[in-house]
Amino acid sequence: MTANPGDQATRDELLLELAACHRDAYAWALNCCRRNRTDAEDVLQETYLKVLDGRARFDRRSSFTTWLFGVVRLTAADQRRRRFLRDLISARVVAEDLLRDPPAADAGVDGAQRHASLERALASLSHRQREVVVLVFYNEMTVEEAARVMAISVGAARQHYARGKANLRQALAAFDTSR
């Protein structure tokens, strides 16, 4: 599915697919951009431009969502490389909300504490472990789909996933005992 200038039907289908995946794609972009909303918005916009102008083509070898997440991940990596070269000395990392807005005020103190504990526990994971855990738990992908998005082998994805779950469990247990 590519968007050729003369092919309005395909372009409309592509726009509908992008609209249907937007929320999950934004959440994934946030993850790829280390929770920096501005960077995630830039990555998602660049991704959409790549898709719509044909620089990224969906060849139907996987699901549309898996393919789109791969494009988001590669676009985010390109952005990081450009920023690193431009800002070699002053790299900045801004912590942002985890994939969703913070709990509502009526969710209670306990819900806010659990949310904060989960954010800290996820932040304690390695980058790869956090990526695969977020893809599997929050985006409901299989480990195999997550491996394709991350451009790693299925075995490596399984190992990162297993270690990520174990480390997440330990971090959450540590946060619960410290309360």
N, C-alpha and C. Protein backbone atom coordinates (compact mmCIF):
# COMPACT_ATOMS: atom_id res chain seq x y z
N MET A 1 0.85 -1.16 0.00
CA MET A 1 0.00 0.00 0.00
C MET A 1 0.90 1.23 0.00
N THR A 2 0.95 1.93 -1.08
CA THR A 2 1.73 3.16 -1.16
C THR A 2 0.83 4.26 -1.66
N ALA A 3 1.24 5.46 -1.40
CA ALA A 3 0.43 6.61 -1.80
C ALA A 3 1.05 7.25 -3.03
N ASN A 4 0.62 6.85 -4.21
CA ASN A 4 1.06 7.47 -5.44
C ASN A 4 0.17 8.68 -5.70
N PRO A 5 0.71 9.75 -6.27
CA PRO A 5 -0.07 10.96 -6.45
C PRO A 5 -1.39 10.74 -7.20
N GLY A 6 -1.44 9.83 -8.16
CA GLY A 6 -2.66 9.63 -8.93
C GLY A 6 -3.59 8.58 -8.36
N ASP A 7 -3.24 7.98 -7.27
CA ASP A 7 -4.02 6.88 -6.71
C ASP A 7 -4.73 7.33 -5.44
N GLN A 8 -5.87 8.00 -5.60
CA GLN A 8 -6.59 8.57 -4.47
C GLN A 8 -7.18 7.49 -3.57
N ALA A 9 -7.67 6.38 -4.13
CA ALA A 9 -8.28 5.32 -3.31
C ALA A 9 -7.24 4.73 -2.36
N THR A 10 -6.04 4.43 -2.87
CA THR A 10 -5.00 3.86 -2.03
C THR A 10 -4.57 4.87 -0.97
N ARG A 11 -4.48 6.11 -1.35
CA ARG A 11 -4.10 7.16 -0.39
C ARG A 11 -5.15 7.27 0.72
N ASP A 12 -6.42 7.18 0.36
CA ASP A 12 -7.49 7.24 1.36
C ASP A 12 -7.41 6.04 2.30
N GLU A 13 -7.14 4.85 1.76
CA GLU A 13 -6.99 3.66 2.60
C GLU A 13 -5.81 3.83 3.56
N LEU A 14 -4.73 4.36 3.05
CA LEU A 14 -3.55 4.59 3.86
C LEU A 14 -3.85 5.57 4.98
N LEU A 15 -4.56 6.65 4.67
CA LEU A 15 -4.94 7.63 5.69
C LEU A 15 -5.83 7.00 6.76
N LEU A 16 -6.74 6.14 6.34
CA LEU A 16 -7.61 5.46 7.31
C LEU A 16 -6.80 4.54 8.22
N GLU A 17 -5.86 3.80 7.66
CA GLU A 17 -5.00 2.92 8.46
C GLU A 17 -4.17 3.73 9.46
N LEU A 18 -3.60 4.84 8.98
CA LEU A 18 -2.80 5.69 9.87
C LEU A 18 -3.65 6.26 10.99
N ALA A 19 -4.86 6.69 10.67
CA ALA A 19 -5.76 7.24 11.69
C ALA A 19 -6.12 6.18 12.72
N ALA A 20 -6.35 4.96 12.26
CA ALA A 20 -6.72 3.88 13.17
C ALA A 20 -5.57 3.52 14.12
N CYS A 21 -4.34 3.69 13.68
CA CYS A 21 -3.17 3.32 14.48
C CYS A 21 -2.54 4.51 15.21
N HIS A 22 -3.09 5.70 15.05
CA HIS A 22 -2.42 6.91 15.54
C HIS A 22 -2.11 6.86 17.03
N ARG A 23 -3.08 6.51 17.85
CA ARG A 23 -2.86 6.53 19.31
C ARG A 23 -1.73 5.59 19.71
N ASP A 24 -1.77 4.36 19.20
CA ASP A 24 -0.71 3.40 19.52
C ASP A 24 0.63 3.82 18.93
N ALA A 25 0.61 4.40 17.73
CA ALA A 25 1.85 4.86 17.11
C ALA A 25 2.47 6.00 17.92
N TYR A 26 1.63 6.88 18.44
CA TYR A 26 2.14 7.98 19.27
C TYR A 26 2.75 7.42 20.56
N ALA A 27 2.07 6.46 21.17
CA ALA A 27 2.60 5.86 22.39
C ALA A 27 3.94 5.19 22.11
N TRP A 28 4.07 4.52 20.98
CA TRP A 28 5.34 3.88 20.61
C TRP A 28 6.40 4.93 20.33
N ALA A 29 6.02 6.02 19.66
CA ALA A 29 6.98 7.10 19.41
C ALA A 29 7.48 7.68 20.73
N LEU A 30 6.58 7.83 21.70
CA LEU A 30 7.00 8.30 23.03
C LEU A 30 8.05 7.36 23.62
N ASN A 31 7.81 6.07 23.50
CA ASN A 31 8.77 5.11 24.02
C ASN A 31 10.11 5.22 23.30
N CYS A 32 10.06 5.32 21.99
CA CYS A 32 11.30 5.41 21.20
C CYS A 32 12.05 6.71 21.46
N CYS A 33 11.34 7.73 21.90
CA CYS A 33 11.95 9.05 22.15
C CYS A 33 12.16 9.31 23.64
N ARG A 34 12.17 8.25 24.42
CA ARG A 34 12.44 8.35 25.86
C ARG A 34 11.49 9.32 26.56
N ARG A 35 10.22 9.23 26.19
CA ARG A 35 9.11 9.97 26.80
C ARG A 35 9.12 11.48 26.51
N ASN A 36 9.91 11.92 25.56
CA ASN A 36 9.95 13.34 25.20
C ASN A 36 8.84 13.59 24.18
N ARG A 37 7.79 14.29 24.61
CA ARG A 37 6.61 14.48 23.76
C ARG A 37 6.93 15.25 22.48
N THR A 38 7.74 16.28 22.59
CA THR A 38 8.08 17.07 21.42
C THR A 38 8.80 16.22 20.37
N ASP A 39 9.77 15.45 20.82
CA ASP A 39 10.49 14.57 19.91
C ASP A 39 9.56 13.51 19.32
N ALA A 40 8.68 12.96 20.15
CA ALA A 40 7.74 11.94 19.66
C ALA A 40 6.82 12.50 18.59
N GLU A 41 6.36 13.72 18.80
CA GLU A 41 5.49 14.35 17.79
C GLU A 41 6.25 14.58 16.49
N ASP A 42 7.50 15.02 16.60
CA ASP A 42 8.33 15.22 15.40
C ASP A 42 8.57 13.90 14.67
N VAL A 43 8.87 12.85 15.42
CA VAL A 43 9.12 11.53 14.81
C VAL A 43 7.85 11.03 14.12
N LEU A 44 6.72 11.18 14.78
CA LEU A 44 5.47 10.70 14.18
C LEU A 44 5.12 11.49 12.93
N GLN A 45 5.34 12.80 12.96
CA GLN A 45 5.08 13.61 11.77
C GLN A 45 6.00 13.19 10.62
N GLU A 46 7.27 13.00 10.91
CA GLU A 46 8.22 12.57 9.88
C GLU A 46 7.84 11.18 9.36
N THR A 47 7.40 10.30 10.24
CA THR A 47 6.95 8.97 9.83
C THR A 47 5.79 9.07 8.87
N TYR A 48 4.80 9.88 9.22
CA TYR A 48 3.62 10.03 8.36
C TYR A 48 4.02 10.61 7.00
N LEU A 49 4.95 11.55 7.00
CA LEU A 49 5.42 12.10 5.72
C LEU A 49 6.10 11.02 4.88
N LYS A 50 6.92 10.20 5.52
CA LYS A 50 7.58 9.11 4.80
C LYS A 50 6.56 8.16 4.19
N VAL A 51 5.52 7.85 4.95
CA VAL A 51 4.50 6.92 4.48
C VAL A 51 3.71 7.53 3.33
N LEU A 52 3.29 8.78 3.50
CA LEU A 52 2.42 9.40 2.51
C LEU A 52 3.13 9.79 1.22
N ASP A 53 4.43 10.11 1.32
CA ASP A 53 5.12 10.47 0.07
C ASP A 53 5.82 9.27 -0.58
N GLY A 54 5.66 8.08 0.02
CA GLY A 54 6.16 6.87 -0.61
C GLY A 54 7.58 6.48 -0.24
N ARG A 55 8.26 7.23 0.63
CA ARG A 55 9.61 6.83 1.04
C ARG A 55 9.58 5.57 1.89
N ALA A 56 8.47 5.34 2.57
CA ALA A 56 8.27 4.09 3.32
C ALA A 56 7.07 3.39 2.69
N ARG A 57 7.28 2.18 2.24
CA ARG A 57 6.22 1.45 1.52
C ARG A 57 5.82 0.20 2.28
N PHE A 58 4.54 0.04 2.46
CA PHE A 58 3.99 -1.14 3.13
C PHE A 58 3.89 -2.27 2.12
N ASP A 59 4.67 -3.34 2.33
CA ASP A 59 4.70 -4.44 1.36
C ASP A 59 3.89 -5.66 1.80
N ARG A 60 3.15 -5.52 2.88
CA ARG A 60 2.22 -6.55 3.37
C ARG A 60 2.92 -7.84 3.84
N ARG A 61 4.20 -7.75 4.22
CA ARG A 61 4.87 -8.93 4.77
C ARG A 61 4.56 -9.11 6.25
N SER A 62 3.96 -8.09 6.86
CA SER A 62 3.55 -8.14 8.26
C SER A 62 2.27 -7.34 8.38
N SER A 63 1.78 -7.20 9.60
CA SER A 63 0.58 -6.38 9.78
C SER A 63 0.96 -4.92 9.58
N PHE A 64 -0.03 -4.09 9.26
CA PHE A 64 0.23 -2.67 9.05
C PHE A 64 0.83 -2.04 10.30
N THR A 65 0.29 -2.40 11.48
CA THR A 65 0.77 -1.82 12.74
C THR A 65 2.23 -2.19 12.98
N THR A 66 2.58 -3.44 12.77
CA THR A 66 3.97 -3.87 12.97
C THR A 66 4.90 -3.10 12.04
N TRP A 67 4.49 -2.98 10.78
CA TRP A 67 5.30 -2.24 9.81
C TRP A 67 5.43 -0.77 10.23
N LEU A 68 4.31 -0.14 10.61
CA LEU A 68 4.32 1.27 11.00
C LEU A 68 5.21 1.49 12.22
N PHE A 69 5.15 0.58 13.20
CA PHE A 69 5.99 0.72 14.39
C PHE A 69 7.47 0.62 14.02
N GLY A 70 7.79 -0.21 13.04
CA GLY A 70 9.17 -0.29 12.57
C GLY A 70 9.63 1.01 11.93
N VAL A 71 8.75 1.63 11.15
CA VAL A 71 9.08 2.92 10.53
C VAL A 71 9.28 3.98 11.62
N VAL A 72 8.41 3.98 12.63
CA VAL A 72 8.54 4.93 13.74
C VAL A 72 9.87 4.72 14.45
N ARG A 73 10.22 3.46 14.72
CA ARG A 73 11.47 3.16 15.42
C ARG A 73 12.69 3.62 14.63
N LEU A 74 12.70 3.35 13.33
CA LEU A 74 13.83 3.76 12.50
C LEU A 74 13.90 5.29 12.36
N THR A 75 12.75 5.94 12.26
CA THR A 75 12.72 7.40 12.19
C THR A 75 13.24 8.00 13.48
N ALA A 76 12.86 7.41 14.60
CA ALA A 76 13.36 7.89 15.89
C ALA A 76 14.88 7.70 15.98
N ALA A 77 15.38 6.58 15.49
CA ALA A 77 16.83 6.35 15.51
C ALA A 77 17.55 7.36 14.63
N ASP A 78 16.99 7.67 13.47
CA ASP A 78 17.59 8.70 12.61
C ASP A 78 17.62 10.05 13.32
N GLN A 79 16.52 10.37 13.98
CA GLN A 79 16.45 11.64 14.70
C GLN A 79 17.51 11.70 15.81
N ARG A 80 17.67 10.59 16.54
CA ARG A 80 18.69 10.57 17.60
C ARG A 80 20.08 10.75 17.04
N ARG A 81 20.38 10.10 15.91
CA ARG A 81 21.71 10.27 15.31
C ARG A 81 21.95 11.72 14.89
N ARG A 82 20.94 12.33 14.27
CA ARG A 82 21.10 13.73 13.85
C ARG A 82 21.32 14.65 15.06
N ARG A 83 20.55 14.42 16.11
CA ARG A 83 20.68 15.25 17.31
C ARG A 83 22.05 15.04 17.95
N PHE A 84 22.51 13.80 18.01
CA PHE A 84 23.81 13.52 18.62
C PHE A 84 24.91 14.26 17.88
N LEU A 85 24.87 14.23 16.57
CA LEU A 85 25.89 14.92 15.79
C LEU A 85 25.80 16.43 15.97
N ARG A 86 24.57 16.94 16.05
CA ARG A 86 24.36 18.38 16.20
C ARG A 86 24.69 18.85 17.60
N ASP A 87 24.33 18.08 18.60
CA ASP A 87 24.51 18.46 20.00
C ASP A 87 25.46 17.51 20.70
N LEU A 88 26.61 17.30 20.14
CA LEU A 88 27.53 16.30 20.65
C LEU A 88 27.79 16.46 22.15
N ILE A 89 27.90 17.67 22.63
CA ILE A 89 28.25 17.88 24.03
C ILE A 89 27.03 17.95 24.93
N SER A 90 25.98 18.60 24.47
CA SER A 90 24.84 18.83 25.36
C SER A 90 23.64 17.96 25.01
N ALA A 91 23.73 16.68 25.33
CA ALA A 91 22.61 15.77 25.12
C ALA A 91 21.59 16.03 26.22
N ARG A 92 20.32 16.00 25.83
CA ARG A 92 19.32 16.25 26.87
C ARG A 92 18.33 15.10 26.93
N VAL A 93 17.94 14.78 28.14
CA VAL A 93 16.93 13.74 28.34
C VAL A 93 15.84 14.32 29.23
N VAL A 94 14.61 14.30 28.76
CA VAL A 94 13.50 14.85 29.53
C VAL A 94 12.54 13.71 29.86
N ALA A 95 12.27 13.51 31.15
CA ALA A 95 11.33 12.46 31.53
C ALA A 95 9.91 12.97 31.33
N GLU A 96 9.08 12.16 30.70
CA GLU A 96 7.67 12.49 30.44
C GLU A 96 6.78 11.36 30.92
N ASP A 97 5.54 11.56 30.81
CA ASP A 97 4.56 10.55 31.20
C ASP A 97 4.77 9.27 30.41
N LEU A 98 4.44 8.18 31.03
CA LEU A 98 4.53 6.87 30.40
C LEU A 98 3.29 6.60 29.58
N LEU A 99 3.43 6.69 28.27
CA LEU A 99 2.42 6.29 27.30
C LEU A 99 1.03 6.87 27.48
N ARG A 100 0.67 7.19 28.68
CA ARG A 100 -0.67 7.71 28.92
C ARG A 100 -0.59 8.92 29.82
N ASP A 101 -1.70 9.62 29.93
CA ASP A 101 -1.80 10.72 30.87
C ASP A 101 -1.75 10.16 32.28
N PRO A 102 -1.34 10.98 33.25
CA PRO A 102 -1.31 10.49 34.63
C PRO A 102 -2.72 10.15 35.10
N PRO A 103 -2.83 9.35 36.15
CA PRO A 103 -4.16 8.98 36.62
C PRO A 103 -4.98 10.21 36.99
N ALA A 104 -6.28 10.10 36.82
CA ALA A 104 -7.18 11.20 37.15
C ALA A 104 -7.14 11.46 38.65
N ALA A 105 -7.51 12.68 39.02
CA ALA A 105 -7.48 13.07 40.42
C ALA A 105 -8.37 12.18 41.27
N ASP A 106 -9.47 11.70 40.70
CA ASP A 106 -10.38 10.86 41.47
C ASP A 106 -9.93 9.40 41.55
N ALA A 107 -8.79 9.08 40.94
CA ALA A 107 -8.27 7.71 40.99
C ALA A 107 -7.71 7.39 42.36
N GLY A 108 -7.48 8.40 43.16
CA GLY A 108 -7.00 8.18 44.51
C GLY A 108 -5.50 8.15 44.60
N VAL A 109 -5.04 8.28 45.83
CA VAL A 109 -3.61 8.31 46.10
C VAL A 109 -2.97 6.97 45.77
N ASP A 110 -3.67 5.89 46.07
CA ASP A 110 -3.12 4.56 45.82
C ASP A 110 -2.86 4.33 44.34
N GLY A 111 -3.82 4.74 43.49
CA GLY A 111 -3.64 4.60 42.04
C GLY A 111 -2.48 5.43 41.54
N ALA A 112 -2.33 6.64 42.05
CA ALA A 112 -1.22 7.51 41.64
C ALA A 112 0.12 6.91 42.08
N GLN A 113 0.15 6.31 43.27
CA GLN A 113 1.38 5.68 43.74
C GLN A 113 1.75 4.46 42.89
N ARG A 114 0.74 3.66 42.53
CA ARG A 114 1.01 2.51 41.68
C ARG A 114 1.52 2.95 40.31
N HIS A 115 0.92 4.02 39.77
CA HIS A 115 1.35 4.54 38.47
C HIS A 115 2.80 5.03 38.55
N ALA A 116 3.11 5.76 39.61
CA ALA A 116 4.48 6.27 39.79
C ALA A 116 5.47 5.12 39.96
N SER A 117 5.07 4.09 40.70
CA SER A 117 5.95 2.93 40.88
C SER A 117 6.20 2.23 39.56
N LEU A 118 5.16 2.08 38.75
CA LEU A 118 5.33 1.44 37.45
C LEU A 118 6.25 2.26 36.55
N GLU A 119 6.09 3.58 36.55
CA GLU A 119 6.96 4.44 35.75
C GLU A 119 8.42 4.27 36.17
N ARG A 120 8.66 4.30 37.49
CA ARG A 120 10.04 4.15 37.98
C ARG A 120 10.59 2.77 37.63
N ALA A 121 9.75 1.74 37.76
CA ALA A 121 10.20 0.38 37.45
C ALA A 121 10.53 0.24 35.97
N LEU A 122 9.70 0.79 35.10
CA LEU A 122 9.99 0.74 33.66
C LEU A 122 11.25 1.53 33.33
N ALA A 123 11.43 2.66 33.98
CA ALA A 123 12.63 3.48 33.73
C ALA A 123 13.90 2.76 34.16
N SER A 124 13.77 1.82 35.11
CA SER A 124 14.95 1.10 35.59
C SER A 124 15.40 -0.01 34.62
N LEU A 125 14.55 -0.36 33.66
CA LEU A 125 14.90 -1.41 32.69
C LEU A 125 15.88 -0.87 31.65
N SER A 126 16.62 -1.77 31.03
CA SER A 126 17.47 -1.36 29.92
C SER A 126 16.57 -0.92 28.77
N HIS A 127 17.14 -0.20 27.83
CA HIS A 127 16.36 0.33 26.70
C HIS A 127 15.67 -0.79 25.93
N ARG A 128 16.38 -1.84 25.59
CA ARG A 128 15.81 -2.95 24.82
C ARG A 128 14.72 -3.68 25.62
N GLN A 129 14.98 -3.90 26.90
CA GLN A 129 13.97 -4.57 27.72
C GLN A 129 12.70 -3.74 27.80
N ARG A 130 12.87 -2.44 27.99
CA ARG A 130 11.70 -1.55 28.06
C ARG A 130 10.94 -1.55 26.74
N GLU A 131 11.66 -1.52 25.62
CA GLU A 131 11.01 -1.54 24.30
C GLU A 131 10.14 -2.77 24.12
N VAL A 132 10.70 -3.95 24.38
CA VAL A 132 9.95 -5.18 24.14
C VAL A 132 8.79 -5.31 25.13
N VAL A 133 8.98 -4.92 26.37
CA VAL A 133 7.90 -5.00 27.35
C VAL A 133 6.76 -4.07 26.97
N VAL A 134 7.07 -2.86 26.54
CA VAL A 134 6.04 -1.90 26.14
C VAL A 134 5.29 -2.41 24.91
N LEU A 135 6.02 -2.95 23.94
CA LEU A 135 5.36 -3.46 22.73
C LEU A 135 4.43 -4.62 23.04
N VAL A 136 4.87 -5.52 23.90
CA VAL A 136 4.06 -6.71 24.19
C VAL A 136 2.90 -6.37 25.12
N PHE A 137 3.16 -5.65 26.21
CA PHE A 137 2.10 -5.37 27.17
C PHE A 137 1.15 -4.27 26.72
N TYR A 138 1.70 -3.14 26.31
CA TYR A 138 0.84 -1.99 26.02
C TYR A 138 0.30 -1.97 24.60
N ASN A 139 1.04 -2.52 23.67
CA ASN A 139 0.59 -2.51 22.28
C ASN A 139 0.08 -3.87 21.82
N GLU A 140 0.03 -4.82 22.74
CA GLU A 140 -0.55 -6.13 22.51
C GLU A 140 0.03 -6.84 21.29
N MET A 141 1.34 -6.74 21.14
CA MET A 141 2.02 -7.45 20.07
C MET A 141 2.56 -8.77 20.61
N THR A 142 2.81 -9.69 19.72
CA THR A 142 3.51 -10.90 20.11
C THR A 142 5.00 -10.56 20.21
N VAL A 143 5.76 -11.44 20.84
CA VAL A 143 7.20 -11.22 20.92
C VAL A 143 7.81 -11.23 19.52
N GLU A 144 7.26 -12.05 18.64
CA GLU A 144 7.76 -12.11 17.26
C GLU A 144 7.53 -10.78 16.55
N GLU A 145 6.34 -10.19 16.72
CA GLU A 145 6.06 -8.88 16.10
C GLU A 145 6.96 -7.80 16.69
N ALA A 146 7.16 -7.87 18.01
CA ALA A 146 8.04 -6.90 18.66
C ALA A 146 9.46 -7.02 18.11
N ALA A 147 9.91 -8.24 17.86
CA ALA A 147 11.25 -8.45 17.30
C ALA A 147 11.37 -7.79 15.94
N ARG A 148 10.32 -7.91 15.10
CA ARG A 148 10.36 -7.27 13.78
C ARG A 148 10.39 -5.75 13.92
N VAL A 149 9.60 -5.20 14.83
CA VAL A 149 9.58 -3.76 15.03
C VAL A 149 10.96 -3.27 15.49
N MET A 150 11.58 -4.03 16.39
CA MET A 150 12.86 -3.64 16.95
C MET A 150 14.04 -4.01 16.05
N ALA A 151 13.78 -4.75 14.98
CA ALA A 151 14.81 -5.21 14.04
C ALA A 151 15.88 -6.04 14.75
N ILE A 152 15.42 -6.98 15.59
CA ILE A 152 16.31 -7.92 16.25
C ILE A 152 15.76 -9.31 16.03
N SER A 153 16.54 -10.32 16.37
CA SER A 153 16.08 -11.70 16.19
C SER A 153 15.00 -12.02 17.22
N VAL A 154 14.20 -13.02 16.92
CA VAL A 154 13.15 -13.43 17.84
C VAL A 154 13.76 -13.94 19.14
N GLY A 155 14.87 -14.66 19.04
CA GLY A 155 15.54 -15.16 20.24
C GLY A 155 16.00 -14.03 21.15
N ALA A 156 16.58 -12.99 20.55
CA ALA A 156 17.02 -11.84 21.35
C ALA A 156 15.82 -11.14 21.98
N ALA A 157 14.73 -11.01 21.22
CA ALA A 157 13.53 -10.38 21.76
C ALA A 157 12.98 -11.18 22.93
N ARG A 158 12.96 -12.51 22.80
CA ARG A 158 12.48 -13.35 23.90
C ARG A 158 13.33 -13.19 25.14
N GLN A 159 14.64 -13.11 24.92
CA GLN A 159 15.55 -12.95 26.06
C GLN A 159 15.35 -11.59 26.74
N HIS A 160 15.25 -10.52 25.94
CA HIS A 160 15.00 -9.19 26.51
C HIS A 160 13.66 -9.16 27.23
N TYR A 161 12.66 -9.84 26.66
CA TYR A 161 11.33 -9.87 27.26
C TYR A 161 11.36 -10.60 28.60
N ALA A 162 11.99 -11.76 28.65
CA ALA A 162 12.06 -12.53 29.89
C ALA A 162 12.83 -11.75 30.96
N ARG A 163 13.96 -11.18 30.58
CA ARG A 163 14.74 -10.41 31.54
C ARG A 163 13.99 -9.14 31.97
N GLY A 164 13.32 -8.52 31.01
CA GLY A 164 12.55 -7.31 31.33
C GLY A 164 11.44 -7.59 32.32
N LYS A 165 10.71 -8.69 32.10
CA LYS A 165 9.64 -9.06 33.04
C LYS A 165 10.20 -9.33 34.43
N ALA A 166 11.32 -10.09 34.49
CA ALA A 166 11.92 -10.41 35.78
C ALA A 166 12.41 -9.14 36.49
N ASN A 167 13.08 -8.27 35.75
CA ASN A 167 13.59 -7.03 36.34
C ASN A 167 12.44 -6.11 36.76
N LEU A 168 11.38 -6.09 35.97
CA LEU A 168 10.21 -5.27 36.30
C LEU A 168 9.57 -5.80 37.58
N ARG A 169 9.45 -7.11 37.68
CA ARG A 169 8.87 -7.73 38.88
C ARG A 169 9.70 -7.38 40.11
N GLN A 170 11.03 -7.47 40.00
CA GLN A 170 11.91 -7.14 41.13
C GLN A 170 11.80 -5.66 41.51
N ALA A 171 11.78 -4.79 40.49
CA ALA A 171 11.71 -3.36 40.76
C ALA A 171 10.39 -3.00 41.42
N LEU A 172 9.30 -3.59 40.95
CA LEU A 172 8.00 -3.30 41.57
C LEU A 172 7.94 -3.82 43.00
N ALA A 173 8.51 -4.99 43.24
CA ALA A 173 8.54 -5.54 44.59
C ALA A 173 9.36 -4.63 45.51
N ALA A 174 10.47 -4.12 45.01
CA ALA A 174 11.30 -3.21 45.81
C ALA A 174 10.55 -1.92 46.13
N PHE A 175 9.81 -1.41 45.17
CA PHE A 175 9.05 -0.18 45.41
C PHE A 175 7.91 -0.43 46.40
N ASP A 176 7.30 -1.62 46.34
CA ASP A 176 6.20 -1.94 47.28
C ASP A 176 6.70 -2.09 48.69
N THR A 177 7.89 -2.68 48.87
CA THR A 177 8.42 -2.85 50.23
C THR A 177 8.96 -1.55 50.81
N SER A 178 9.28 -0.59 49.94
CA SER A 178 9.81 0.68 50.44
C SER A 178 8.71 1.64 50.89
N ARG A 179 7.45 1.28 50.63
CA ARG A 179 6.35 2.16 51.05
C ARG A 179 6.02 2.01 52.47
